[in-house]
Every structure is written in C-alpha cells, then in structure tokens.
Amino acid sequence: MKCPACNGEIKRLSSSIPSDQQGVCVECGGVYLTDISALAKTWCTCPVVSGMEVFFFSDSGNHGWLHTVCGQVTQTG
C-alpha cells in the first residue's frame, strides 16, 4: 500500500494485535488507522501555519495533521 501523502510505502503492523493503528509510512511517518474520528475536527488558530505534518489517514479518506509549531492535532475529511 502507498501512503496518500507522500506515496511512500506503508509498513503494515501485525494483524494479531488488536489496534486502531494498521501501519506506518516508512517515508513520512504518517500513521494508517482504521476509521476513527476521535481527534480534533477543526484547524488550530495558531497564527503560524507552517510546520504541518501528516499525522494519520484512514481508508475512508479521513486525515489529520500535526502542527509542529503549537502541537495541536487537527482533522479534515
């Protein structure tokens, strides 16, 4: 499977361990999750918008970002 953020390879985790985390991109570190919506749903109000990094994504297209300036995780999709 290819990462939707950077097209890197997803390293799948063992399916014998019950977890929402299914794998991790070896290139950008994005986390591949089952469909969950537990994280914040709005963008942070931090005036500095640089430093966004892919944090998670799921099969449904939901994805979120970690703002490395203020540390807030936000969700879109």
N, C-alpha and C. Protein backbone atom coordinates (compact mmCIF):
# COMPACT_ATOMS: atom_id res chain seq x y z
N MET A 1 0.85 -1.19 0.00
CA MET A 1 0.00 0.00 0.00
C MET A 1 0.88 1.24 0.00
N LYS A 2 0.46 2.26 -0.75
CA LYS A 2 1.20 3.51 -0.84
C LYS A 2 0.56 4.57 0.06
N CYS A 3 1.38 5.41 0.65
CA CYS A 3 0.92 6.49 1.51
C CYS A 3 0.26 7.56 0.64
N PRO A 4 -0.95 8.03 1.01
CA PRO A 4 -1.61 9.06 0.21
C PRO A 4 -0.95 10.43 0.33
N ALA A 5 -0.09 10.62 1.31
CA ALA A 5 0.56 11.92 1.49
C ALA A 5 1.84 12.04 0.68
N CYS A 6 2.68 11.01 0.72
CA CYS A 6 3.99 11.13 0.07
C CYS A 6 4.27 10.02 -0.93
N ASN A 7 3.33 9.08 -1.08
CA ASN A 7 3.48 7.94 -1.98
C ASN A 7 4.54 6.96 -1.50
N GLY A 8 4.94 7.08 -0.24
CA GLY A 8 5.89 6.13 0.35
C GLY A 8 5.22 4.81 0.66
N GLU A 9 6.00 3.84 1.08
CA GLU A 9 5.49 2.51 1.39
C GLU A 9 4.97 2.44 2.82
N ILE A 10 3.81 1.80 2.99
CA ILE A 10 3.22 1.62 4.32
C ILE A 10 3.72 0.29 4.88
N LYS A 11 4.31 0.34 6.05
CA LYS A 11 4.71 -0.88 6.75
C LYS A 11 3.55 -1.31 7.62
N ARG A 12 2.92 -2.43 7.27
CA ARG A 12 1.75 -2.92 7.99
C ARG A 12 2.17 -3.53 9.32
N LEU A 13 1.33 -3.33 10.34
CA LEU A 13 1.58 -3.92 11.64
C LEU A 13 0.93 -5.30 11.70
N SER A 14 1.34 -6.10 12.63
CA SER A 14 0.80 -7.44 12.79
C SER A 14 -0.70 -7.38 13.04
N SER A 15 -1.45 -8.18 12.31
CA SER A 15 -2.90 -8.19 12.49
C SER A 15 -3.33 -8.97 13.73
N SER A 16 -2.39 -9.64 14.38
CA SER A 16 -2.74 -10.41 15.57
C SER A 16 -2.89 -9.53 16.81
N ILE A 17 -2.47 -8.27 16.69
CA ILE A 17 -2.58 -7.33 17.81
C ILE A 17 -3.77 -6.41 17.54
N PRO A 18 -4.83 -6.46 18.36
CA PRO A 18 -5.97 -5.56 18.11
C PRO A 18 -5.59 -4.11 18.36
N SER A 19 -5.73 -3.29 17.33
CA SER A 19 -5.33 -1.89 17.44
C SER A 19 -6.00 -1.08 16.34
N ASP A 20 -6.23 0.22 16.62
CA ASP A 20 -6.72 1.12 15.58
C ASP A 20 -5.61 1.45 14.60
N GLN A 21 -4.36 1.26 14.99
CA GLN A 21 -3.24 1.56 14.12
C GLN A 21 -2.93 0.35 13.25
N GLN A 22 -3.00 0.56 11.94
CA GLN A 22 -2.80 -0.53 10.98
C GLN A 22 -1.39 -0.55 10.39
N GLY A 23 -0.72 0.60 10.40
CA GLY A 23 0.62 0.66 9.81
C GLY A 23 1.17 2.06 9.88
N VAL A 24 2.42 2.19 9.42
CA VAL A 24 3.12 3.48 9.43
C VAL A 24 3.87 3.63 8.12
N CYS A 25 3.86 4.84 7.55
CA CYS A 25 4.62 5.12 6.33
C CYS A 25 6.09 5.20 6.68
N VAL A 26 6.92 4.47 5.96
CA VAL A 26 8.35 4.47 6.24
C VAL A 26 9.03 5.74 5.75
N GLU A 27 8.35 6.53 4.91
CA GLU A 27 8.94 7.76 4.37
C GLU A 27 8.62 8.97 5.25
N CYS A 28 7.30 9.25 5.48
CA CYS A 28 6.92 10.48 6.18
C CYS A 28 6.46 10.25 7.60
N GLY A 29 6.26 8.99 7.99
CA GLY A 29 5.83 8.70 9.36
C GLY A 29 4.34 8.81 9.57
N GLY A 30 3.55 9.03 8.51
CA GLY A 30 2.10 9.07 8.65
C GLY A 30 1.58 7.75 9.19
N VAL A 31 0.56 7.80 10.03
CA VAL A 31 0.01 6.61 10.67
C VAL A 31 -1.27 6.20 9.95
N TYR A 32 -1.33 4.94 9.55
CA TYR A 32 -2.51 4.39 8.87
C TYR A 32 -3.43 3.79 9.93
N LEU A 33 -4.66 4.32 10.02
CA LEU A 33 -5.61 3.91 11.06
C LEU A 33 -6.86 3.30 10.47
N THR A 34 -7.60 2.55 11.30
CA THR A 34 -8.96 2.17 10.94
C THR A 34 -9.80 3.43 11.03
N ASP A 35 -11.03 3.37 10.59
CA ASP A 35 -11.89 4.56 10.61
C ASP A 35 -12.22 4.96 12.03
N ILE A 36 -11.62 6.02 12.48
CA ILE A 36 -11.95 6.59 13.79
C ILE A 36 -12.09 8.09 13.63
N SER A 37 -12.76 8.72 14.55
CA SER A 37 -12.92 10.18 14.48
C SER A 37 -12.76 10.77 15.86
N ALA A 38 -11.74 10.34 16.56
CA ALA A 38 -11.56 10.74 17.96
C ALA A 38 -10.73 12.00 18.12
N LEU A 39 -10.09 12.45 17.05
CA LEU A 39 -9.21 13.60 17.18
C LEU A 39 -9.96 14.90 16.90
N ALA A 40 -9.30 16.01 17.13
CA ALA A 40 -9.91 17.33 16.92
C ALA A 40 -10.42 17.47 15.48
N LYS A 41 -11.46 18.23 15.30
CA LYS A 41 -12.07 18.36 13.98
C LYS A 41 -11.93 19.74 13.37
N THR A 42 -11.19 20.62 13.99
CA THR A 42 -11.01 21.95 13.43
C THR A 42 -9.53 22.29 13.38
N TRP A 43 -9.17 23.20 12.49
CA TRP A 43 -7.78 23.64 12.41
C TRP A 43 -7.45 24.48 13.63
N CYS A 44 -6.21 24.42 14.07
CA CYS A 44 -5.81 25.24 15.20
C CYS A 44 -5.83 26.72 14.80
N THR A 45 -5.87 27.60 15.76
CA THR A 45 -5.92 29.04 15.49
C THR A 45 -4.53 29.66 15.59
N CYS A 46 -3.51 28.84 15.65
CA CYS A 46 -2.13 29.33 15.72
C CYS A 46 -1.85 30.20 14.49
N PRO A 47 -1.31 31.42 14.68
CA PRO A 47 -1.07 32.31 13.53
C PRO A 47 0.04 31.81 12.60
N VAL A 48 0.87 30.89 13.07
CA VAL A 48 1.94 30.35 12.23
C VAL A 48 1.41 29.08 11.58
N VAL A 49 1.29 29.08 10.25
CA VAL A 49 0.69 27.94 9.57
C VAL A 49 1.72 26.99 8.98
N SER A 50 2.99 27.33 9.08
CA SER A 50 4.00 26.40 8.57
C SER A 50 4.17 25.26 9.57
N GLY A 51 4.81 24.20 9.14
CA GLY A 51 5.12 23.11 10.05
C GLY A 51 4.04 22.06 10.17
N MET A 52 3.11 22.00 9.21
CA MET A 52 2.10 20.94 9.23
C MET A 52 2.74 19.64 8.75
N GLU A 53 2.45 18.57 9.43
CA GLU A 53 2.95 17.26 9.01
C GLU A 53 1.80 16.28 8.99
N VAL A 54 1.82 15.33 8.05
CA VAL A 54 0.80 14.29 8.03
C VAL A 54 0.92 13.50 9.31
N PHE A 55 -0.20 13.29 9.98
CA PHE A 55 -0.21 12.57 11.24
C PHE A 55 -0.94 11.24 11.13
N PHE A 56 -2.11 11.23 10.47
CA PHE A 56 -2.83 9.98 10.30
C PHE A 56 -3.72 10.05 9.07
N PHE A 57 -4.11 8.90 8.59
CA PHE A 57 -5.05 8.80 7.49
C PHE A 57 -5.75 7.45 7.60
N SER A 58 -6.93 7.33 6.99
CA SER A 58 -7.68 6.08 7.05
C SER A 58 -8.30 5.79 5.69
N ASP A 59 -8.83 4.58 5.54
CA ASP A 59 -9.41 4.15 4.27
C ASP A 59 -10.54 5.05 3.80
N SER A 60 -11.28 5.64 4.72
CA SER A 60 -12.43 6.47 4.34
C SER A 60 -12.00 7.81 3.75
N GLY A 61 -10.72 8.13 3.84
CA GLY A 61 -10.24 9.41 3.35
C GLY A 61 -10.03 10.42 4.46
N ASN A 62 -10.49 10.09 5.67
CA ASN A 62 -10.22 10.98 6.80
C ASN A 62 -8.71 11.10 7.00
N HIS A 63 -8.27 12.30 7.31
CA HIS A 63 -6.85 12.51 7.53
C HIS A 63 -6.66 13.67 8.49
N GLY A 64 -5.55 13.73 9.13
CA GLY A 64 -5.29 14.79 10.10
C GLY A 64 -3.86 15.25 10.03
N TRP A 65 -3.59 16.34 10.69
CA TRP A 65 -2.27 16.96 10.65
C TRP A 65 -1.78 17.24 12.06
N LEU A 66 -0.51 17.15 12.24
CA LEU A 66 0.12 17.58 13.47
C LEU A 66 0.80 18.91 13.18
N HIS A 67 0.41 19.98 13.88
CA HIS A 67 1.06 21.27 13.69
C HIS A 67 2.28 21.29 14.61
N THR A 68 3.45 21.25 14.01
CA THR A 68 4.67 21.13 14.80
C THR A 68 5.03 22.40 15.54
N VAL A 69 4.34 23.52 15.24
CA VAL A 69 4.59 24.76 15.96
C VAL A 69 3.88 24.77 17.31
N CYS A 70 2.56 24.46 17.28
CA CYS A 70 1.78 24.52 18.54
C CYS A 70 1.47 23.14 19.11
N GLY A 71 1.70 22.08 18.32
CA GLY A 71 1.49 20.73 18.83
C GLY A 71 0.06 20.22 18.71
N GLN A 72 -0.86 20.99 18.12
CA GLN A 72 -2.24 20.54 18.01
C GLN A 72 -2.41 19.59 16.85
N VAL A 73 -3.20 18.53 17.08
CA VAL A 73 -3.58 17.62 16.02
C VAL A 73 -4.96 18.03 15.54
N THR A 74 -5.13 18.17 14.22
CA THR A 74 -6.40 18.58 13.65
C THR A 74 -6.85 17.55 12.62
N GLN A 75 -8.14 17.54 12.33
CA GLN A 75 -8.67 16.55 11.40
C GLN A 75 -9.46 17.21 10.30
N THR A 76 -9.34 16.67 9.10
CA THR A 76 -10.20 17.07 8.00
C THR A 76 -10.77 15.82 7.38
N GLY A 77 -11.73 15.99 6.47
CA GLY A 77 -12.27 14.83 5.76
C GLY A 77 -13.49 14.27 6.44
